[in-house]
PDB file of N, CA and C in Angstrom:
ATOM      1  N   MET A   1      -3.444  82.755 -30.612  1.00  0.00           N
ATOM      2  CA  MET A   1      -3.849  83.361 -29.401  1.00  0.00           C
ATOM      3  C   MET A   1      -2.658  83.160 -28.386  1.00  0.00           C
ATOM      4  N   LYS A   2      -2.327  84.099 -27.688  1.00  0.00           N
ATOM      5  CA  LYS A   2      -1.371  84.000 -26.645  1.00  0.00           C
ATOM      6  C   LYS A   2      -1.940  83.370 -25.409  1.00  0.00           C
ATOM      7  N   LEU A   3      -1.423  82.153 -25.067  1.00  0.00           N
ATOM      8  CA  LEU A   3      -1.948  81.357 -23.950  1.00  0.00           C
ATOM      9  C   LEU A   3      -1.509  82.006 -22.594  1.00  0.00           C
ATOM     10  N   LYS A   4      -2.604  82.153 -21.714  1.00  0.00           N
ATOM     11  CA  LYS A   4      -2.328  82.665 -20.374  1.00  0.00           C
ATOM     12  C   LYS A   4      -3.476  82.222 -19.425  1.00  0.00           C
ATOM     13  N   ILE A   5      -3.236  82.342 -18.182  1.00  0.00           N
ATOM     14  CA  ILE A   5      -4.367  82.106 -17.170  1.00  0.00           C
ATOM     15  C   ILE A   5      -5.570  82.984 -17.492  1.00  0.00           C
ATOM     16  N   LEU A   6      -6.714  82.423 -17.466  1.00  0.00           N
ATOM     17  CA  LEU A   6      -7.900  83.206 -17.709  1.00  0.00           C
ATOM     18  C   LEU A   6      -8.332  83.853 -16.421  1.00  0.00           C
ATOM     19  N   LYS A   7      -8.266  85.193 -16.430  1.00  0.00           N
ATOM     20  CA  LYS A   7      -8.567  85.890 -15.192  1.00  0.00           C
ATOM     21  C   LYS A   7      -9.870  86.666 -15.287  1.00  0.00           C
ATOM     22  N   THR A   8     -10.281  87.076 -16.514  1.00  0.00           N
ATOM     23  CA  THR A   8     -11.563  87.849 -16.658  1.00  0.00           C
ATOM     24  C   THR A   8     -12.453  87.159 -17.511  1.00  0.00           C
ATOM     25  N   LYS A   9     -13.709  87.568 -17.466  1.00  0.00           N
ATOM     26  CA  LYS A   9     -14.752  87.016 -18.258  1.00  0.00           C
ATOM     27  C   LYS A   9     -14.438  87.206 -19.721  1.00  0.00           C
ATOM     28  N   SER A  10     -13.785  88.327 -20.099  1.00  0.00           N
ATOM     29  CA  SER A  10     -13.298  88.617 -21.444  1.00  0.00           C
ATOM     30  C   SER A  10     -12.356  87.617 -21.935  1.00  0.00           C
ATOM     31  N   ASP A  11     -11.393  87.318 -21.071  1.00  0.00           N
ATOM     32  CA  ASP A  11     -10.314  86.231 -21.291  1.00  0.00           C
ATOM     33  C   ASP A  11     -11.040  84.879 -21.610  1.00  0.00           C
ATOM     34  N   TYR A  12     -12.031  84.648 -20.786  1.00  0.00           N
ATOM     35  CA  TYR A  12     -12.668  83.377 -20.952  1.00  0.00           C
ATOM     36  C   TYR A  12     -13.537  83.290 -22.240  1.00  0.00           C
ATOM     37  N   ARG A  13     -14.237  84.325 -22.566  1.00  0.00           N
ATOM     38  CA  ARG A  13     -14.958  84.361 -23.856  1.00  0.00           C
ATOM     39  C   ARG A  13     -13.981  84.261 -25.063  1.00  0.00           C
ATOM     40  N   THR A  14     -12.861  85.012 -24.923  1.00  0.00           N
ATOM     41  CA  THR A  14     -11.912  84.819 -26.078  1.00  0.00           C
ATOM     42  C   THR A  14     -11.411  83.497 -26.183  1.00  0.00           C
ATOM     43  N   ALA A  15     -11.084  82.824 -25.075  1.00  0.00           N
ATOM     44  CA  ALA A  15     -10.518  81.450 -25.180  1.00  0.00           C
ATOM     45  C   ALA A  15     -11.605  80.471 -25.687  1.00  0.00           C
ATOM     46  N   LEU A  16     -12.799  80.671 -25.325  1.00  0.00           N
ATOM     47  CA  LEU A  16     -13.945  79.809 -25.753  1.00  0.00           C
ATOM     48  C   LEU A  16     -14.075  79.929 -27.343  1.00  0.00           C
ATOM     49  N   MET A  17     -13.979  81.146 -27.837  1.00  0.00           N
ATOM     50  CA  MET A  17     -14.160  81.418 -29.333  1.00  0.00           C
ATOM     51  C   MET A  17     -12.996  80.723 -29.982  1.00  0.00           C
ATOM     52  N   ARG A  18     -11.692  80.867 -29.445  1.00  0.00           N
ATOM     53  CA  ARG A  18     -10.558  80.267 -30.058  1.00  0.00           C
ATOM     54  C   ARG A  18     -10.650  78.748 -30.112  1.00  0.00           C
ATOM     55  N   PHE A  19     -11.069  78.242 -28.882  1.00  0.00           N
ATOM     56  CA  PHE A  19     -11.246  76.838 -28.762  1.00  0.00           C
ATOM     57  C   PHE A  19     -12.219  76.281 -29.834  1.00  0.00           C
ATOM     58  N   GLU A  20     -13.384  76.915 -30.057  1.00  0.00           N
ATOM     59  CA  GLU A  20     -14.320  76.558 -31.059  1.00  0.00           C
ATOM     60  C   GLU A  20     -13.702  76.513 -32.401  1.00  0.00           C
ATOM     61  N   GLU A  21     -12.845  77.500 -32.663  1.00  0.00           N
ATOM     62  CA  GLU A  21     -12.179  77.481 -34.019  1.00  0.00           C
ATOM     63  C   GLU A  21     -11.287  76.253 -34.326  1.00  0.00           C
ATOM     64  N   ILE A  22     -10.527  75.863 -33.241  1.00  0.00           N
ATOM     65  CA  ILE A  22      -9.530  74.839 -33.466  1.00  0.00           C
ATOM     66  C   ILE A  22      -9.919  73.431 -32.803  1.00  0.00           C
ATOM     67  N   PHE A  23     -11.214  73.316 -32.317  1.00  0.00           N
ATOM     68  CA  PHE A  23     -11.605  72.137 -31.751  1.00  0.00           C
ATOM     69  C   PHE A  23     -11.315  70.911 -32.455  1.00  0.00           C
ATOM     70  N   GLN A  24     -11.520  70.910 -33.700  1.00  0.00           N
ATOM     71  CA  GLN A  24     -11.326  69.665 -34.563  1.00  0.00           C
ATOM     72  C   GLN A  24      -9.964  69.671 -35.313  1.00  0.00           C
ATOM     73  N   ALA A  25      -8.994  70.219 -34.797  1.00  0.00           N
ATOM     74  CA  ALA A  25      -7.666  70.307 -35.309  1.00  0.00           C
ATOM     75  C   ALA A  25      -7.083  68.841 -35.503  1.00  0.00           C
ATOM     76  N   LYS A  26      -6.311  68.671 -36.497  1.00  0.00           N
ATOM     77  CA  LYS A  26      -5.619  67.276 -36.639  1.00  0.00           C
ATOM     78  C   LYS A  26      -4.731  67.041 -35.407  1.00  0.00           C
ATOM     79  N   ALA A  27      -4.880  65.830 -34.849  1.00  0.00           N
ATOM     80  CA  ALA A  27      -4.126  65.350 -33.719  1.00  0.00           C
ATOM     81  C   ALA A  27      -2.631  65.529 -34.024  1.00  0.00           C
ATOM     82  N   GLY A  28      -1.886  66.094 -33.087  1.00  0.00           N
ATOM     83  CA  GLY A  28      -0.415  66.317 -33.223  1.00  0.00           C
ATOM     84  C   GLY A  28      -0.123  67.703 -33.765  1.00  0.00           C
ATOM     85  N   SER A  29      -1.056  68.385 -34.339  1.00  0.00           N
ATOM     86  CA  SER A  29      -0.758  69.664 -34.848  1.00  0.00           C
ATOM     87  C   SER A  29      -0.572  70.783 -33.806  1.00  0.00           C
ATOM     88  N   MET A  30      -0.040  71.926 -34.187  1.00  0.00           N
ATOM     89  CA  MET A  30       0.080  73.008 -33.275  1.00  0.00           C
ATOM     90  C   MET A  30      -1.261  73.421 -32.705  1.00  0.00           C
ATOM     91  N   ASP A  31      -2.338  73.467 -33.640  1.00  0.00           N
ATOM     92  CA  ASP A  31      -3.629  73.884 -33.236  1.00  0.00           C
ATOM     93  C   ASP A  31      -4.252  72.836 -32.243  1.00  0.00           C
ATOM     94  N   SER A  32      -3.911  71.576 -32.533  1.00  0.00           N
ATOM     95  CA  SER A  32      -4.411  70.597 -31.508  1.00  0.00           C
ATOM     96  C   SER A  32      -3.843  70.703 -30.134  1.00  0.00           C
ATOM     97  N   ASP A  33      -2.510  71.058 -30.101  1.00  0.00           N
ATOM     98  CA  ASP A  33      -1.858  71.169 -28.895  1.00  0.00           C
ATOM     99  C   ASP A  33      -2.384  72.388 -28.133  1.00  0.00           C
ATOM    100  N   GLU A  34      -2.657  73.522 -28.944  1.00  0.00           N
ATOM    101  CA  GLU A  34      -3.253  74.710 -28.326  1.00  0.00           C
ATOM    102  C   GLU A  34      -4.630  74.444 -27.803  1.00  0.00           C
ATOM    103  N   ALA A  35      -5.513  73.713 -28.485  1.00  0.00           N
ATOM    104  CA  ALA A  35      -6.819  73.257 -28.077  1.00  0.00           C
ATOM    105  C   ALA A  35      -6.648  72.527 -26.674  1.00  0.00           C
ATOM    106  N   ASP A  36      -5.709  71.600 -26.620  1.00  0.00           N
ATOM    107  CA  ASP A  36      -5.615  70.953 -25.427  1.00  0.00           C
ATOM    108  C   ASP A  36      -5.308  71.824 -24.217  1.00  0.00           C
ATOM    109  N   VAL A  37      -4.378  72.741 -24.426  1.00  0.00           N
ATOM    110  CA  VAL A  37      -4.089  73.749 -23.394  1.00  0.00           C
ATOM    111  C   VAL A  37      -5.273  74.642 -23.019  1.00  0.00           C
ATOM    112  N   LEU A  38      -5.920  75.098 -24.034  1.00  0.00           N
ATOM    113  CA  LEU A  38      -7.055  75.893 -23.865  1.00  0.00           C
ATOM    114  C   LEU A  38      -8.230  75.189 -22.989  1.00  0.00           C
ATOM    115  N   ALA A  39      -8.341  73.890 -23.310  1.00  0.00           N
ATOM    116  CA  ALA A  39      -9.370  73.094 -22.671  1.00  0.00           C
ATOM    117  C   ALA A  39      -9.097  73.092 -21.121  1.00  0.00           C
ATOM    118  N   LEU A  40      -7.829  72.982 -20.795  1.00  0.00           N
ATOM    119  CA  LEU A  40      -7.424  73.025 -19.384  1.00  0.00           C
ATOM    120  C   LEU A  40      -7.625  74.384 -18.741  1.00  0.00           C
ATOM    121  N   LEU A  41      -7.271  75.387 -19.508  1.00  0.00           N
ATOM    122  CA  LEU A  41      -7.413  76.793 -19.005  1.00  0.00           C
ATOM    123  C   LEU A  41      -8.930  77.097 -18.752  1.00  0.00           C
ATOM    124  N   ILE A  42      -9.715  76.708 -19.799  1.00  0.00           N
ATOM    125  CA  ILE A  42     -11.221  76.989 -19.682  1.00  0.00           C
ATOM    126  C   ILE A  42     -11.839  76.151 -18.472  1.00  0.00           C
ATOM    127  N   ARG A  43     -11.421  74.903 -18.339  1.00  0.00           N
ATOM    128  CA  ARG A  43     -11.976  74.155 -17.251  1.00  0.00           C
ATOM    129  C   ARG A  43     -11.560  74.777 -15.877  1.00  0.00           C
ATOM    130  N   GLU A  44     -10.312  75.190 -15.788  1.00  0.00           N
ATOM    131  CA  GLU A  44      -9.835  75.780 -14.460  1.00  0.00           C
ATOM    132  C   GLU A  44     -10.731  77.042 -14.256  1.00  0.00           C
ATOM    133  N   TYR A  45     -10.974  77.863 -15.258  1.00  0.00           N
ATOM    134  CA  TYR A  45     -11.721  79.109 -14.989  1.00  0.00           C
ATOM    135  C   TYR A  45     -13.282  78.687 -14.624  1.00  0.00           C
ATOM    136  N   GLU A  46     -13.770  77.679 -15.345  1.00  0.00           N
ATOM    137  CA  GLU A  46     -15.177  77.384 -14.972  1.00  0.00           C
ATOM    138  C   GLU A  46     -15.293  76.685 -13.599  1.00  0.00           C
ATOM    139  N   ASP A  47     -14.352  75.887 -13.152  1.00  0.00           N
ATOM    140  CA  ASP A  47     -14.326  75.307 -11.817  1.00  0.00           C
ATOM    141  C   ASP A  47     -14.197  76.342 -10.759  1.00  0.00           C
ATOM    142  N   LYS A  48     -13.628  77.450 -11.103  1.00  0.00           N
ATOM    143  CA  LYS A  48     -13.476  78.482 -10.107  1.00  0.00           C
ATOM    144  C   LYS A  48     -14.677  79.519 -10.038  1.00  0.00           C
ATOM    145  N   HIS A  49     -15.270  79.766 -11.166  1.00  0.00           N
ATOM    146  CA  HIS A  49     -16.219  80.835 -11.295  1.00  0.00           C
ATOM    147  C   HIS A  49     -17.696  80.276 -11.527  1.00  0.00           C
ATOM    148  N   TYR A  50     -17.833  79.034 -11.857  1.00  0.00           N
ATOM    149  CA  TYR A  50     -19.159  78.478 -12.105  1.00  0.00           C
ATOM    150  C   TYR A  50     -19.333  77.187 -11.237  1.00  0.00           C
ATOM    151  N   VAL A  51     -19.296  77.357  -9.998  1.00  0.00           N
ATOM    152  CA  VAL A  51     -19.284  76.327  -9.054  1.00  0.00           C
ATOM    153  C   VAL A  51     -20.716  75.770  -8.880  1.00  0.00           C
ATOM    154  N   ILE A  52     -21.027  74.448  -9.001  1.00  0.00           N
ATOM    155  CA  ILE A  52     -22.235  73.847  -8.766  1.00  0.00           C
ATOM    156  C   ILE A  52     -22.197  73.214  -7.486  1.00  0.00           C
ATOM    157  N   ALA A  53     -23.104  73.664  -6.576  1.00  0.00           N
ATOM    158  CA  ALA A  53     -23.197  73.009  -5.234  1.00  0.00           C
ATOM    159  C   ALA A  53     -23.721  71.647  -5.245  1.00  0.00           C
ATOM    160  N   ALA A  54     -23.269  70.835  -4.295  1.00  0.00           N
ATOM    161  CA  ALA A  54     -23.796  69.400  -4.153  1.00  0.00           C
ATOM    162  C   ALA A  54     -25.233  69.524  -3.738  1.00  0.00           C
ATOM    163  N   PRO A  55     -26.058  68.612  -4.278  1.00  0.00           N
ATOM    164  CA  PRO A  55     -27.498  68.590  -3.968  1.00  0.00           C
ATOM    165  C   PRO A  55     -27.734  68.226  -2.555  1.00  0.00           C
ATOM    166  N   ASP A  56     -28.957  68.534  -2.015  1.00  0.00           N
ATOM    167  CA  ASP A  56     -29.387  68.039  -0.744  1.00  0.00           C
ATOM    168  C   ASP A  56     -29.300  66.577  -0.679  1.00  0.00           C
ATOM    169  N   PRO A  57     -28.791  65.936   0.355  1.00  0.00           N
ATOM    170  CA  PRO A  57     -28.742  64.431   0.507  1.00  0.00           C
ATOM    171  C   PRO A  57     -30.047  63.809   0.179  1.00  0.00           C
ATOM    172  N   LEU A  58     -31.182  64.229   0.827  1.00  0.00           N
ATOM    173  CA  LEU A  58     -32.386  63.609   0.621  1.00  0.00           C
ATOM    174  C   LEU A  58     -32.901  63.663  -0.757  1.00  0.00           C
ATOM    175  N   GLU A  59     -32.726  64.821  -1.421  1.00  0.00           N
ATOM    176  CA  GLU A  59     -33.153  64.999  -2.788  1.00  0.00           C
ATOM    177  C   GLU A  59     -32.218  64.025  -3.656  1.00  0.00           C
ATOM    178  N   ALA A  60     -30.990  63.934  -3.448  1.00  0.00           N
ATOM    179  CA  ALA A  60     -30.182  63.021  -4.246  1.00  0.00           C
ATOM    180  C   ALA A  60     -30.643  61.541  -4.072  1.00  0.00           C
ATOM    181  N   ILE A  61     -30.981  61.255  -2.862  1.00  0.00           N
ATOM    182  CA  ILE A  61     -31.504  59.835  -2.634  1.00  0.00           C
ATOM    183  C   ILE A  61     -32.785  59.658  -3.423  1.00  0.00           C
ATOM    184  N   LYS A  62     -33.708  60.538  -3.334  1.00  0.00           N
ATOM    185  CA  LYS A  62     -34.984  60.379  -3.982  1.00  0.00           C
ATOM    186  C   LYS A  62     -34.730  60.390  -5.480  1.00  0.00           C
ATOM    187  N   TYR A  63     -33.845  61.175  -5.985  1.00  0.00           N
ATOM    188  CA  TYR A  63     -33.627  61.315  -7.457  1.00  0.00           C
ATOM    189  C   TYR A  63     -33.105  59.892  -7.862  1.00  0.00           C
ATOM    190  N   ARG A  64     -32.053  59.371  -7.142  1.00  0.00           N
ATOM    191  CA  ARG A  64     -31.394  58.193  -7.663  1.00  0.00           C
ATOM    192  C   ARG A  64     -32.494  56.999  -7.543  1.00  0.00           C
ATOM    193  N   MET A  65     -33.426  57.009  -6.447  1.00  0.00           N
ATOM    194  CA  MET A  65     -34.456  56.028  -6.411  1.00  0.00           C
ATOM    195  C   MET A  65     -35.284  56.034  -7.569  1.00  0.00           C
ATOM    196  N   GLU A  66     -35.715  57.292  -7.941  1.00  0.00           N
ATOM    197  CA  GLU A  66     -36.572  57.512  -9.199  1.00  0.00           C
ATOM    198  C   GLU A  66     -35.939  57.005 -10.448  1.00  0.00           C
ATOM    199  N   GLN A  67     -34.595  57.275 -10.609  1.00  0.00           N
ATOM    200  CA  GLN A  67     -33.848  56.840 -11.720  1.00  0.00           C
ATOM    201  C   GLN A  67     -33.897  55.397 -11.901  1.00  0.00           C
ATOM    202  N   ARG A  68     -33.797  54.624 -10.743  1.00  0.00           N
ATOM    203  CA  ARG A  68     -33.722  53.184 -10.714  1.00  0.00           C
ATOM    204  C   ARG A  68     -34.977  52.487 -10.457  1.00  0.00           C
ATOM    205  N   GLY A  69     -36.009  53.285 -10.332  1.00  0.00           N
ATOM    206  CA  GLY A  69     -37.316  52.755 -10.148  1.00  0.00           C
ATOM    207  C   GLY A  69     -37.455  52.002  -8.812  1.00  0.00           C
ATOM    208  N   LEU A  70     -36.779  52.596  -7.771  1.00  0.00           N
ATOM    209  CA  LEU A  70     -36.804  51.907  -6.409  1.00  0.00           C
ATOM    210  C   LEU A  70     -37.948  52.555  -5.512  1.00  0.00           C
ATOM    211  N   THR A  71     -38.449  51.721  -4.696  1.00  0.00           N
ATOM    212  CA  THR A  71     -39.401  52.118  -3.738  1.00  0.00           C
ATOM    213  C   THR A  71     -38.901  52.317  -2.289  1.00  0.00           C
ATOM    214  N   ASN A  72     -39.593  52.880  -1.408  1.00  0.00           N
ATOM    215  CA  ASN A  72     -39.209  52.991  -0.061  1.00  0.00           C
ATOM    216  C   ASN A  72     -38.839  51.588   0.491  1.00  0.00           C
ATOM    217  N   GLN A  73     -39.549  50.542   0.097  1.00  0.00           N
ATOM    218  CA  GLN A  73     -39.204  49.193   0.571  1.00  0.00           C
ATOM    219  C   GLN A  73     -37.909  48.819   0.061  1.00  0.00           C
ATOM    220  N   ASP A  74     -37.534  49.121  -1.135  1.00  0.00           N
ATOM    221  CA  ASP A  74     -36.146  48.782  -1.637  1.00  0.00           C
ATOM    222  C   ASP A  74     -35.127  49.542  -0.897  1.00  0.00           C
ATOM    223  N   LEU A  75     -35.446  50.725  -0.457  1.00  0.00           N
ATOM    224  CA  LEU A  75     -34.435  51.593   0.270  1.00  0.00           C
ATOM    225  C   LEU A  75     -34.333  50.944   1.747  1.00  0.00           C
ATOM    226  N   ALA A  76     -35.425  50.468   2.266  1.00  0.00           N
ATOM    227  CA  ALA A  76     -35.473  49.848   3.556  1.00  0.00           C
ATOM    228  C   ALA A  76     -34.508  48.628   3.510  1.00  0.00           C
ATOM    229  N   VAL A  77     -34.480  47.872   2.392  1.00  0.00           N
ATOM    230  CA  VAL A  77     -33.573  46.689   2.347  1.00  0.00           C
ATOM    231  C   VAL A  77     -32.169  47.160   2.359  1.00  0.00           C
ATOM    232  N   ILE A  78     -31.853  48.264   1.686  1.00  0.00           N
ATOM    233  CA  ILE A  78     -30.497  48.767   1.660  1.00  0.00           C
ATOM    234  C   ILE A  78     -30.090  49.203   3.100  1.00  0.00           C
ATOM    235  N   LEU A  79     -30.984  49.919   3.821  1.00  0.00           N
ATOM    236  CA  LEU A  79     -30.682  50.596   5.079  1.00  0.00           C
ATOM    237  C   LEU A  79     -30.935  49.545   6.297  1.00  0.00           C
ATOM    238  N   GLY A  80     -31.782  48.643   6.036  1.00  0.00           N
ATOM    239  CA  GLY A  80     -32.060  47.714   7.119  1.00  0.00           C
ATOM    240  C   GLY A  80     -33.413  47.790   7.815  1.00  0.00           C
ATOM    241  N   PHE A  81     -33.973  48.860   7.865  1.00  0.00           N
ATOM    242  CA  PHE A  81     -35.285  49.056   8.554  1.00  0.00           C
ATOM    243  C   PHE A  81     -36.167  50.112   7.717  1.00  0.00           C
ATOM    244  N   LYS A  82     -37.467  49.613   7.655  1.00  0.00           N
ATOM    245  CA  LYS A  82     -38.398  50.542   6.913  1.00  0.00           C
ATOM    246  C   LYS A  82     -38.583  51.801   7.724  1.00  0.00           C
ATOM    247  N   SER A  83     -38.625  51.690   9.069  1.00  0.00           N
ATOM    248  CA  SER A  83     -38.902  52.855   9.930  1.00  0.00           C
ATOM    249  C   SER A  83     -37.810  53.912   9.703  1.00  0.00           C
ATOM    250  N   ARG A  84     -36.502  53.557   9.428  1.00  0.00           N
ATOM    251  CA  ARG A  84     -35.471  54.374   9.207  1.00  0.00           C
ATOM    252  C   ARG A  84     -35.734  55.219   7.959  1.00  0.00           C
ATOM    253  N   VAL A  85     -36.250  54.607   6.921  1.00  0.00           N
ATOM    254  CA  VAL A  85     -36.555  55.311   5.637  1.00  0.00           C
ATOM    255  C   VAL A  85     -37.570  56.435   5.952  1.00  0.00           C
ATOM    256  N   THR A  86     -38.626  56.099   6.615  1.00  0.00           N
ATOM    257  CA  THR A  86     -39.650  57.129   6.929  1.00  0.00           C
ATOM    258  C   THR A  86     -39.102  58.173   7.738  1.00  0.00           C
ATOM    259  N   ASP A  87     -38.323  57.817   8.807  1.00  0.00           N
ATOM    260  CA  ASP A  87     -37.705  58.900   9.647  1.00  0.00           C
ATOM    261  C   ASP A  87     -36.748  59.770   8.951  1.00  0.00           C
ATOM    262  N   ILE A  88     -36.028  59.165   7.965  1.00  0.00           N
ATOM    263  CA  ILE A  88     -34.991  59.999   7.166  1.00  0.00           C
ATOM    264  C   ILE A  88     -35.726  61.011   6.373  1.00  0.00           C
ATOM    265  N   PHE A  89     -36.786  60.502   5.676  1.00  0.00           N
ATOM    266  CA  PHE A  89     -37.507  61.420   4.710  1.00  0.00           C
ATOM    267  C   PHE A  89     -38.317  62.479   5.414  1.00  0.00           C
ATOM    268  N   LYS A  90     -38.690  62.179   6.741  1.00  0.00           N
ATOM    269  CA  LYS A  90     -39.399  63.223   7.565  1.00  0.00           C
ATOM    270  C   LYS A  90     -38.467  64.105   8.152  1.00  0.00           C
ATOM    271  N   LYS A  91     -37.161  63.807   8.035  1.00  0.00           N
ATOM    272  CA  LYS A  91     -36.120  64.553   8.713  1.00  0.00           C
ATOM    273  C   LYS A  91     -36.131  64.423  10.287  1.00  0.00           C
ATOM    274  N   HIS A  92     -36.618  63.228  10.798  1.00  0.00           N
ATOM    275  CA  HIS A  92     -36.586  63.022  12.116  1.00  0.00           C
ATOM    276  C   HIS A  92     -35.270  62.295  12.550  1.00  0.00           C
ATOM    277  N   ARG A  93     -34.622  61.792  11.462  1.00  0.00           N
ATOM    278  CA  ARG A  93     -33.387  61.092  11.778  1.00  0.00           C
ATOM    279  C   ARG A  93     -32.285  61.533  10.731  1.00  0.00           C
ATOM    280  N   LYS A  94     -31.069  61.747  11.163  1.00  0.00           N
ATOM    281  CA  LYS A  94     -29.938  62.059  10.286  1.00  0.00           C
ATOM    282  C   LYS A  94     -29.375  60.722   9.688  1.00  0.00           C
ATOM    283  N   LEU A  95     -28.713  60.886   8.624  1.00  0.00           N
ATOM    284  CA  LEU A  95     -27.969  59.679   8.053  1.00  0.00           C
ATOM    285  C   LEU A  95     -26.766  59.415   8.943  1.00  0.00           C
ATOM    286  N   SER A  96     -26.667  58.174   9.325  1.00  0.00           N
ATOM    287  CA  SER A  96     -25.478  57.738  10.114  1.00  0.00           C
ATOM    288  C   SER A  96     -24.395  57.458   9.126  1.00  0.00           C
ATOM    289  N   LEU A  97     -23.156  57.196   9.651  1.00  0.00           N
ATOM    290  CA  LEU A  97     -22.047  56.934   8.816  1.00  0.00           C
ATOM    291  C   LEU A  97     -22.262  55.561   8.013  1.00  0.00           C
ATOM    292  N   GLY A  98     -22.837  54.664   8.795  1.00  0.00           N
ATOM    293  CA  GLY A  98     -23.170  53.342   8.146  1.00  0.00           C
ATOM    294  C   GLY A  98     -24.118  53.462   7.065  1.00  0.00           C
ATOM    295  N   MET A  99     -25.212  54.343   7.185  1.00  0.00           N
ATOM    296  CA  MET A  99     -26.196  54.511   6.175  1.00  0.00           C
ATOM    297  C   MET A  99     -25.500  55.211   4.994  1.00  0.00           C
ATOM    298  N   VAL A 100     -24.655  56.182   5.170  1.00  0.00           N
ATOM    299  CA  VAL A 100     -23.931  56.850   4.125  1.00  0.00           C
ATOM    300  C   VAL A 100     -23.155  55.948   3.363  1.00  0.00           C
ATOM    301  N   ARG A 101     -22.412  54.951   3.906  1.00  0.00           N
ATOM    302  CA  ARG A 101     -21.675  54.039   3.241  1.00  0.00           C
ATOM    303  C   ARG A 101     -22.450  53.085   2.403  1.00  0.00           C
ATOM    304  N   LYS A 102     -23.673  52.568   3.073  1.00  0.00           N
ATOM    305  CA  LYS A 102     -24.628  51.678   2.306  1.00  0.00           C
ATOM    306  C   LYS A 102     -25.115  52.457   1.078  1.00  0.00           C
ATOM    307  N   LEU A 103     -25.607  53.708   1.237  1.00  0.00           N
ATOM    308  CA  LEU A 103     -26.186  54.461   0.141  1.00  0.00           C
ATOM    309  C   LEU A 103     -25.109  54.682  -0.920  1.00  0.00           C
ATOM    310  N   HIS A 104     -23.958  54.987  -0.519  1.00  0.00           N
ATOM    311  CA  HIS A 104     -22.888  55.247  -1.559  1.00  0.00           C
ATOM    312  C   HIS A 104     -22.563  53.971  -2.283  1.00  0.00           C
ATOM    313  N   ASP A 105     -22.433  52.821  -1.567  1.00  0.00           N
ATOM    314  CA  ASP A 105     -22.103  51.614  -2.279  1.00  0.00           C
ATOM    315  C   ASP A 105     -23.246  51.073  -3.124  1.00  0.00           C
ATOM    316  N   SER A 106     -24.517  51.206  -2.632  1.00  0.00           N
ATOM    317  CA  SER A 106     -25.657  50.726  -3.336  1.00  0.00           C
ATOM    318  C   SER A 106     -26.161  51.548  -4.460  1.00  0.00           C
ATOM    319  N   LEU A 107     -26.204  52.861  -4.223  1.00  0.00           N
ATOM    320  CA  LEU A 107     -26.840  53.785  -5.167  1.00  0.00           C
ATOM    321  C   LEU A 107     -25.828  54.601  -5.930  1.00  0.00           C
ATOM    322  N   ASN A 108     -24.543  54.556  -5.560  1.00  0.00           N
ATOM    323  CA  ASN A 108     -23.462  55.205  -6.162  1.00  0.00           C
ATOM    324  C   ASN A 108     -23.630  56.781  -6.132  1.00  0.00           C
ATOM    325  N   ILE A 109     -24.228  57.184  -4.947  1.00  0.00           N
ATOM    326  CA  ILE A 109     -24.377  58.661  -4.657  1.00  0.00           C
ATOM    327  C   ILE A 109     -22.963  59.057  -4.108  1.00  0.00           C
ATOM    328  N   PRO A 110     -22.385  60.187  -4.595  1.00  0.00           N
ATOM    329  CA  PRO A 110     -21.111  60.700  -3.982  1.00  0.00           C
ATOM    330  C   PRO A 110     -21.174  60.958  -2.603  1.00  0.00           C
ATOM    331  N   LEU A 111     -20.118  60.561  -1.905  1.00  0.00           N
ATOM    332  CA  LEU A 111     -20.101  60.733  -0.417  1.00  0.00           C
ATOM    333  C   LEU A 111     -20.200  62.240  -0.032  1.00  0.00           C
ATOM    334  N   GLU A 112     -19.602  63.182  -0.737  1.00  0.00           N
ATOM    335  CA  GLU A 112     -19.788  64.608  -0.438  1.00  0.00           C
ATOM    336  C   GLU A 112     -21.138  65.105  -0.528  1.00  0.00           C
ATOM    337  N   THR A 113     -22.027  64.460  -1.299  1.00  0.00           N
ATOM    338  CA  THR A 113     -23.396  64.717  -1.271  1.00  0.00           C
ATOM    339  C   THR A 113     -24.144  64.156  -0.100  1.00  0.00           C
ATOM    340  N   LEU A 114     -23.827  63.000   0.276  1.00  0.00           N
ATOM    341  CA  LEU A 114     -24.570  62.320   1.435  1.00  0.00           C
ATOM    342  C   LEU A 114     -24.186  62.911   2.769  1.00  0.00           C
ATOM    343  N   VAL A 115     -22.984  63.446   2.964  1.00  0.00           N
ATOM    344  CA  VAL A 115     -22.505  63.931   4.209  1.00  0.00           C
ATOM    345  C   VAL A 115     -22.962  65.440   4.396  1.00  0.00           C
ATOM    346  N   LYS A 116     -23.482  66.066   3.373  1.00  0.00           N
ATOM    347  CA  LYS A 116     -23.840  67.431   3.465  1.00  0.00           C
ATOM    348  C   LYS A 116     -25.093  67.595   4.422  1.00  0.00           C
ATOM    349  N   GLU A 117     -25.138  68.681   5.174  1.00  0.00           N
ATOM    350  CA  GLU A 117     -26.197  68.982   6.203  1.00  0.00           C
ATOM    351  C   GLU A 117     -27.563  69.165   5.388  1.00  0.00           C
ATOM    352  N   TYR A 118     -28.624  68.764   5.952  1.00  0.00           N
ATOM    353  CA  TYR A 118     -29.858  69.022   5.373  1.00  0.00           C
ATOM    354  C   TYR A 118     -30.877  69.483   6.513  1.00  0.00           C
TER     355      TYR A 118
END
């Protein structure tokens, strides 16, 4: 396959098919090198054409709490006050910069998700 920037959906499909053919090529071979370059081209195309938006901050917090089995009480310990948790989930209070930092550090939620408007 002639390697080039993927500009169309047809280019993308062709690259995917070729990548599947040579995916398990022996390391150091020409096919392996081609697979490496195709992987980069495919990722670039997908990043440009299949963008996944960051989730709503409150949904991200709830999801992470569910994953870790945390309660509102646990979140209150992280943020400092139980009333803040209630106000945040009722959308009466926005996340402050300090809260964003604490949530990011404690729950490993990406900053770009936490600073998004809700």
